[in-house]
Amino acid sequence: MCIDGPQFSTRAESLVYRSWKVDVIGMTNLQEAKLAREAEICYATIALVTDYDCWREGDDSLSIEMIIATLNKNTRNVQQVIREVVPAIAAEKRSCGCPASLHNAIITGRI
């Protein structure tokens, strides 16, 4: 199960999510995925961990500075991934169903 952000949780909220067996509390990208499908383009997500929230027992010292430092490190890592992966993907012939995802779409007529 995933709980979508985009705000950080309080410790109390995080403990509730943990009691619900939530594995990930993340920022949503549902809108982007839906738009990509409607545009018949391929879409992938790169998810980045910023902190362990309440899942790391005994770690009460999480600060915004620590999160920002992790965000900056994640940004550098993602930039490297994009530099390496995008050219490789672009060189491949598309064999997925994305270009035809609207083939059987239902569109209602105008009134």
N, C-alpha and C. Protein backbone atom coordinates (compact mmCIF):
# COMPACT_ATOMS: atom_id res chain seq x y z
N MET A 1 0.85 -1.18 0.00
CA MET A 1 0.00 0.00 0.00
C MET A 1 0.89 1.24 0.00
N CYS A 2 0.44 2.27 -0.66
CA CYS A 2 1.18 3.53 -0.74
C CYS A 2 0.25 4.68 -0.38
N ILE A 3 0.69 5.58 0.46
CA ILE A 3 -0.04 6.79 0.80
C ILE A 3 0.62 7.92 0.02
N ASP A 4 -0.17 8.71 -0.68
CA ASP A 4 0.39 9.80 -1.48
C ASP A 4 0.49 11.09 -0.70
N GLY A 5 1.57 11.85 -0.95
CA GLY A 5 1.85 13.14 -0.31
C GLY A 5 0.98 14.21 -0.90
N PRO A 6 1.44 15.40 -1.05
CA PRO A 6 2.84 15.80 -1.13
C PRO A 6 3.42 16.39 0.15
N GLN A 7 2.75 16.38 1.24
CA GLN A 7 3.30 16.97 2.45
C GLN A 7 3.99 15.90 3.31
N PHE A 8 4.91 16.35 4.15
CA PHE A 8 5.53 15.43 5.10
C PHE A 8 4.53 15.13 6.20
N SER A 9 4.60 13.93 6.71
CA SER A 9 3.70 13.51 7.78
C SER A 9 4.26 13.90 9.14
N THR A 10 3.36 14.10 10.09
CA THR A 10 3.81 14.23 11.47
C THR A 10 4.18 12.83 11.96
N ARG A 11 4.91 12.74 13.05
CA ARG A 11 5.26 11.43 13.61
C ARG A 11 3.99 10.64 13.93
N ALA A 12 2.97 11.30 14.47
CA ALA A 12 1.73 10.61 14.81
C ALA A 12 1.06 10.04 13.55
N GLU A 13 1.00 10.84 12.48
CA GLU A 13 0.42 10.35 11.23
C GLU A 13 1.22 9.16 10.69
N SER A 14 2.53 9.26 10.75
CA SER A 14 3.38 8.18 10.27
C SER A 14 3.16 6.90 11.05
N LEU A 15 2.99 7.02 12.36
CA LEU A 15 2.73 5.83 13.18
C LEU A 15 1.38 5.21 12.83
N VAL A 16 0.40 6.04 12.52
CA VAL A 16 -0.90 5.51 12.08
C VAL A 16 -0.73 4.76 10.77
N TYR A 17 -0.04 5.36 9.81
CA TYR A 17 0.20 4.69 8.52
C TYR A 17 0.93 3.37 8.73
N ARG A 18 1.90 3.39 9.62
CA ARG A 18 2.65 2.17 9.91
C ARG A 18 1.71 1.10 10.49
N SER A 19 0.79 1.49 11.36
CA SER A 19 -0.16 0.53 11.92
C SER A 19 -1.10 -0.03 10.85
N TRP A 20 -1.27 0.72 9.76
CA TRP A 20 -2.09 0.26 8.63
C TRP A 20 -1.29 -0.61 7.66
N LYS A 21 -0.04 -0.86 7.97
CA LYS A 21 0.86 -1.66 7.14
C LYS A 21 1.24 -0.96 5.83
N VAL A 22 1.26 0.38 5.84
CA VAL A 22 1.67 1.15 4.67
C VAL A 22 3.18 0.96 4.49
N ASP A 23 3.60 0.67 3.28
CA ASP A 23 5.02 0.47 2.99
C ASP A 23 5.72 1.74 2.56
N VAL A 24 5.01 2.60 1.84
CA VAL A 24 5.63 3.79 1.26
C VAL A 24 4.68 4.98 1.43
N ILE A 25 5.23 6.10 1.84
CA ILE A 25 4.49 7.36 1.84
C ILE A 25 5.16 8.20 0.78
N GLY A 26 4.47 8.45 -0.31
CA GLY A 26 5.13 9.08 -1.43
C GLY A 26 4.36 10.22 -2.05
N MET A 27 5.07 10.95 -2.87
CA MET A 27 4.46 12.02 -3.64
C MET A 27 3.74 11.38 -4.82
N THR A 28 2.58 11.86 -5.11
CA THR A 28 1.80 11.25 -6.17
C THR A 28 2.29 11.67 -7.55
N ASN A 29 2.14 10.79 -8.52
CA ASN A 29 2.36 11.15 -9.91
C ASN A 29 1.27 10.54 -10.78
N LEU A 30 0.11 10.35 -10.16
CA LEU A 30 -1.03 9.79 -10.88
C LEU A 30 -1.43 10.65 -12.07
N GLN A 31 -1.46 11.96 -11.89
CA GLN A 31 -1.86 12.84 -12.99
C GLN A 31 -0.92 12.71 -14.18
N GLU A 32 0.39 12.63 -13.91
CA GLU A 32 1.35 12.50 -14.98
C GLU A 32 1.16 11.18 -15.73
N ALA A 33 0.92 10.11 -14.99
CA ALA A 33 0.71 8.80 -15.62
C ALA A 33 -0.54 8.81 -16.49
N LYS A 34 -1.62 9.41 -15.99
CA LYS A 34 -2.85 9.48 -16.78
C LYS A 34 -2.65 10.30 -18.05
N LEU A 35 -1.97 11.44 -17.94
CA LEU A 35 -1.73 12.28 -19.12
C LEU A 35 -0.83 11.57 -20.13
N ALA A 36 0.17 10.86 -19.65
CA ALA A 36 1.04 10.11 -20.56
C ALA A 36 0.24 9.06 -21.32
N ARG A 37 -0.66 8.38 -20.63
CA ARG A 37 -1.49 7.36 -21.29
C ARG A 37 -2.37 8.00 -22.35
N GLU A 38 -2.99 9.14 -22.01
CA GLU A 38 -3.85 9.83 -22.97
C GLU A 38 -3.06 10.34 -24.17
N ALA A 39 -1.79 10.67 -23.98
CA ALA A 39 -0.95 11.15 -25.07
C ALA A 39 -0.26 9.98 -25.79
N GLU A 40 -0.53 8.77 -25.34
CA GLU A 40 0.03 7.54 -25.91
C GLU A 40 1.56 7.55 -25.91
N ILE A 41 2.12 8.06 -24.81
CA ILE A 41 3.58 8.05 -24.67
C ILE A 41 3.97 7.15 -23.50
N CYS A 42 5.15 6.60 -23.58
CA CYS A 42 5.66 5.75 -22.51
C CYS A 42 5.96 6.62 -21.28
N TYR A 43 5.85 6.02 -20.12
CA TYR A 43 6.03 6.76 -18.89
C TYR A 43 6.67 5.85 -17.86
N ALA A 44 7.61 6.37 -17.13
CA ALA A 44 8.23 5.63 -16.03
C ALA A 44 8.46 6.58 -14.87
N THR A 45 8.49 6.03 -13.69
CA THR A 45 8.72 6.81 -12.48
C THR A 45 10.06 6.42 -11.86
N ILE A 46 10.77 7.41 -11.40
CA ILE A 46 11.96 7.17 -10.58
C ILE A 46 11.61 7.65 -9.18
N ALA A 47 11.50 6.74 -8.25
CA ALA A 47 11.13 7.08 -6.88
C ALA A 47 12.39 7.22 -6.03
N LEU A 48 12.43 8.26 -5.21
CA LEU A 48 13.59 8.55 -4.40
C LEU A 48 13.21 8.66 -2.92
N VAL A 49 13.93 7.98 -2.08
CA VAL A 49 13.68 8.02 -0.64
C VAL A 49 14.35 9.26 -0.07
N THR A 50 13.60 10.01 0.76
CA THR A 50 14.19 11.18 1.41
C THR A 50 14.48 10.92 2.89
N ASP A 51 13.69 10.06 3.52
CA ASP A 51 13.91 9.78 4.94
C ASP A 51 13.16 8.52 5.33
N TYR A 52 13.50 8.00 6.50
CA TYR A 52 12.88 6.78 7.00
C TYR A 52 11.71 7.07 7.93
N ASP A 53 11.43 8.34 8.16
CA ASP A 53 10.27 8.72 8.95
C ASP A 53 10.31 7.98 10.28
N CYS A 54 9.23 7.36 10.69
CA CYS A 54 9.19 6.66 11.97
C CYS A 54 9.62 5.20 11.84
N TRP A 55 9.98 4.77 10.63
CA TRP A 55 10.33 3.37 10.41
C TRP A 55 11.69 3.02 10.97
N ARG A 56 12.52 3.99 11.19
CA ARG A 56 13.83 3.72 11.79
C ARG A 56 13.71 3.98 13.28
N GLU A 57 13.64 2.91 14.04
CA GLU A 57 13.45 3.00 15.48
C GLU A 57 14.59 3.76 16.14
N GLY A 58 14.25 4.64 17.08
CA GLY A 58 15.24 5.35 17.85
C GLY A 58 15.91 6.50 17.12
N ASP A 59 15.44 6.84 15.93
CA ASP A 59 16.04 7.92 15.15
C ASP A 59 15.13 9.14 15.22
N ASP A 60 15.25 9.91 16.28
CA ASP A 60 14.41 11.08 16.47
C ASP A 60 15.09 12.37 15.99
N SER A 61 16.24 12.24 15.34
CA SER A 61 17.01 13.42 15.01
C SER A 61 16.83 13.90 13.57
N LEU A 62 15.79 13.47 12.89
CA LEU A 62 15.56 13.89 11.51
C LEU A 62 15.29 15.39 11.46
N SER A 63 15.98 16.07 10.55
CA SER A 63 15.80 17.51 10.41
C SER A 63 15.54 17.85 8.96
N ILE A 64 15.04 19.03 8.70
CA ILE A 64 14.81 19.48 7.33
C ILE A 64 16.14 19.57 6.59
N GLU A 65 17.21 19.93 7.29
CA GLU A 65 18.53 20.00 6.66
C GLU A 65 18.97 18.62 6.15
N MET A 66 18.68 17.58 6.93
CA MET A 66 19.02 16.23 6.51
C MET A 66 18.22 15.83 5.28
N ILE A 67 16.95 16.19 5.26
CA ILE A 67 16.10 15.85 4.12
C ILE A 67 16.57 16.59 2.87
N ILE A 68 16.88 17.89 3.00
CA ILE A 68 17.36 18.68 1.87
C ILE A 68 18.68 18.11 1.34
N ALA A 69 19.58 17.71 2.22
CA ALA A 69 20.85 17.11 1.80
C ALA A 69 20.58 15.83 1.00
N THR A 70 19.64 15.03 1.46
CA THR A 70 19.29 13.80 0.74
C THR A 70 18.64 14.12 -0.60
N LEU A 71 17.78 15.14 -0.63
CA LEU A 71 17.17 15.56 -1.90
C LEU A 71 18.24 15.98 -2.90
N ASN A 72 19.22 16.74 -2.44
CA ASN A 72 20.30 17.17 -3.33
C ASN A 72 21.11 15.99 -3.86
N LYS A 73 21.40 15.03 -3.00
CA LYS A 73 22.12 13.82 -3.43
C LYS A 73 21.27 13.04 -4.43
N ASN A 74 19.98 12.90 -4.14
CA ASN A 74 19.08 12.20 -5.05
C ASN A 74 19.03 12.88 -6.41
N THR A 75 19.02 14.19 -6.42
CA THR A 75 18.99 14.95 -7.67
C THR A 75 20.21 14.63 -8.52
N ARG A 76 21.37 14.63 -7.91
CA ARG A 76 22.60 14.29 -8.65
C ARG A 76 22.53 12.86 -9.19
N ASN A 77 22.04 11.93 -8.39
CA ASN A 77 21.92 10.53 -8.82
C ASN A 77 20.95 10.39 -9.99
N VAL A 78 19.82 11.07 -9.91
CA VAL A 78 18.82 10.98 -10.98
C VAL A 78 19.34 11.60 -12.26
N GLN A 79 20.05 12.70 -12.15
CA GLN A 79 20.63 13.31 -13.34
C GLN A 79 21.56 12.33 -14.05
N GLN A 80 22.34 11.59 -13.29
CA GLN A 80 23.24 10.59 -13.88
C GLN A 80 22.44 9.46 -14.52
N VAL A 81 21.40 9.00 -13.85
CA VAL A 81 20.55 7.94 -14.42
C VAL A 81 19.94 8.40 -15.74
N ILE A 82 19.42 9.60 -15.76
CA ILE A 82 18.80 10.13 -16.98
C ILE A 82 19.82 10.23 -18.10
N ARG A 83 21.02 10.73 -17.80
CA ARG A 83 22.07 10.84 -18.83
C ARG A 83 22.39 9.47 -19.44
N GLU A 84 22.34 8.43 -18.64
CA GLU A 84 22.69 7.10 -19.13
C GLU A 84 21.51 6.35 -19.74
N VAL A 85 20.33 6.50 -19.16
CA VAL A 85 19.19 5.69 -19.58
C VAL A 85 18.45 6.25 -20.78
N VAL A 86 18.25 7.55 -20.83
CA VAL A 86 17.45 8.13 -21.92
C VAL A 86 18.03 7.81 -23.29
N PRO A 87 19.33 7.97 -23.53
CA PRO A 87 19.85 7.60 -24.86
C PRO A 87 19.64 6.11 -25.18
N ALA A 88 19.77 5.26 -24.18
CA ALA A 88 19.56 3.82 -24.41
C ALA A 88 18.11 3.54 -24.78
N ILE A 89 17.19 4.18 -24.09
CA ILE A 89 15.76 4.00 -24.39
C ILE A 89 15.44 4.54 -25.78
N ALA A 90 15.97 5.71 -26.10
CA ALA A 90 15.70 6.34 -27.39
C ALA A 90 16.19 5.47 -28.55
N ALA A 91 17.24 4.70 -28.33
CA ALA A 91 17.80 3.87 -29.39
C ALA A 91 16.97 2.60 -29.64
N GLU A 92 16.11 2.25 -28.71
CA GLU A 92 15.29 1.04 -28.83
C GLU A 92 14.03 1.31 -29.64
N LYS A 93 13.60 0.29 -30.39
CA LYS A 93 12.33 0.37 -31.10
C LYS A 93 11.22 0.08 -30.09
N ARG A 94 10.18 0.91 -30.12
CA ARG A 94 9.07 0.72 -29.19
C ARG A 94 8.28 -0.53 -29.56
N SER A 95 8.12 -1.42 -28.59
CA SER A 95 7.33 -2.62 -28.81
C SER A 95 6.20 -2.74 -27.78
N CYS A 96 6.01 -1.68 -27.02
CA CYS A 96 4.99 -1.68 -25.98
C CYS A 96 3.63 -1.28 -26.56
N GLY A 97 2.62 -1.33 -25.75
CA GLY A 97 1.28 -0.96 -26.19
C GLY A 97 0.94 0.51 -26.03
N CYS A 98 1.88 1.29 -25.54
CA CYS A 98 1.61 2.71 -25.28
C CYS A 98 1.12 3.48 -26.51
N PRO A 99 1.73 3.29 -27.68
CA PRO A 99 1.29 4.07 -28.84
C PRO A 99 -0.15 3.77 -29.27
N ALA A 100 -0.72 2.68 -28.81
CA ALA A 100 -2.09 2.31 -29.18
C ALA A 100 -3.01 2.27 -27.96
N SER A 101 -2.62 2.92 -26.89
CA SER A 101 -3.40 2.81 -25.65
C SER A 101 -4.81 3.36 -25.76
N LEU A 102 -5.06 4.24 -26.72
CA LEU A 102 -6.41 4.80 -26.88
C LEU A 102 -7.21 4.10 -27.97
N HIS A 103 -6.65 3.04 -28.53
CA HIS A 103 -7.30 2.34 -29.63
C HIS A 103 -8.74 1.92 -29.28
N ASN A 104 -8.94 1.43 -28.10
CA ASN A 104 -10.28 0.97 -27.67
C ASN A 104 -10.93 1.92 -26.67
N ALA A 105 -10.46 3.15 -26.63
CA ALA A 105 -11.02 4.15 -25.71
C ALA A 105 -12.46 4.47 -26.12
N ILE A 106 -13.26 4.79 -25.14
CA ILE A 106 -14.65 5.18 -25.39
C ILE A 106 -14.75 6.69 -25.24
N ILE A 107 -15.27 7.33 -26.26
CA ILE A 107 -15.46 8.77 -26.24
C ILE A 107 -16.94 9.03 -26.45
N THR A 108 -17.54 9.78 -25.55
CA THR A 108 -18.97 10.07 -25.69
C THR A 108 -19.16 11.19 -26.71
N GLY A 109 -20.28 11.14 -27.38
CA GLY A 109 -20.59 12.15 -28.39
C GLY A 109 -20.98 13.47 -27.75
N ARG A 110 -20.95 14.52 -28.58
CA ARG A 110 -21.36 15.84 -28.11
C ARG A 110 -22.87 15.87 -27.98
N ILE A 111 -23.31 16.67 -27.04
CA ILE A 111 -24.76 16.81 -26.84
C ILE A 111 -25.25 17.99 -27.63
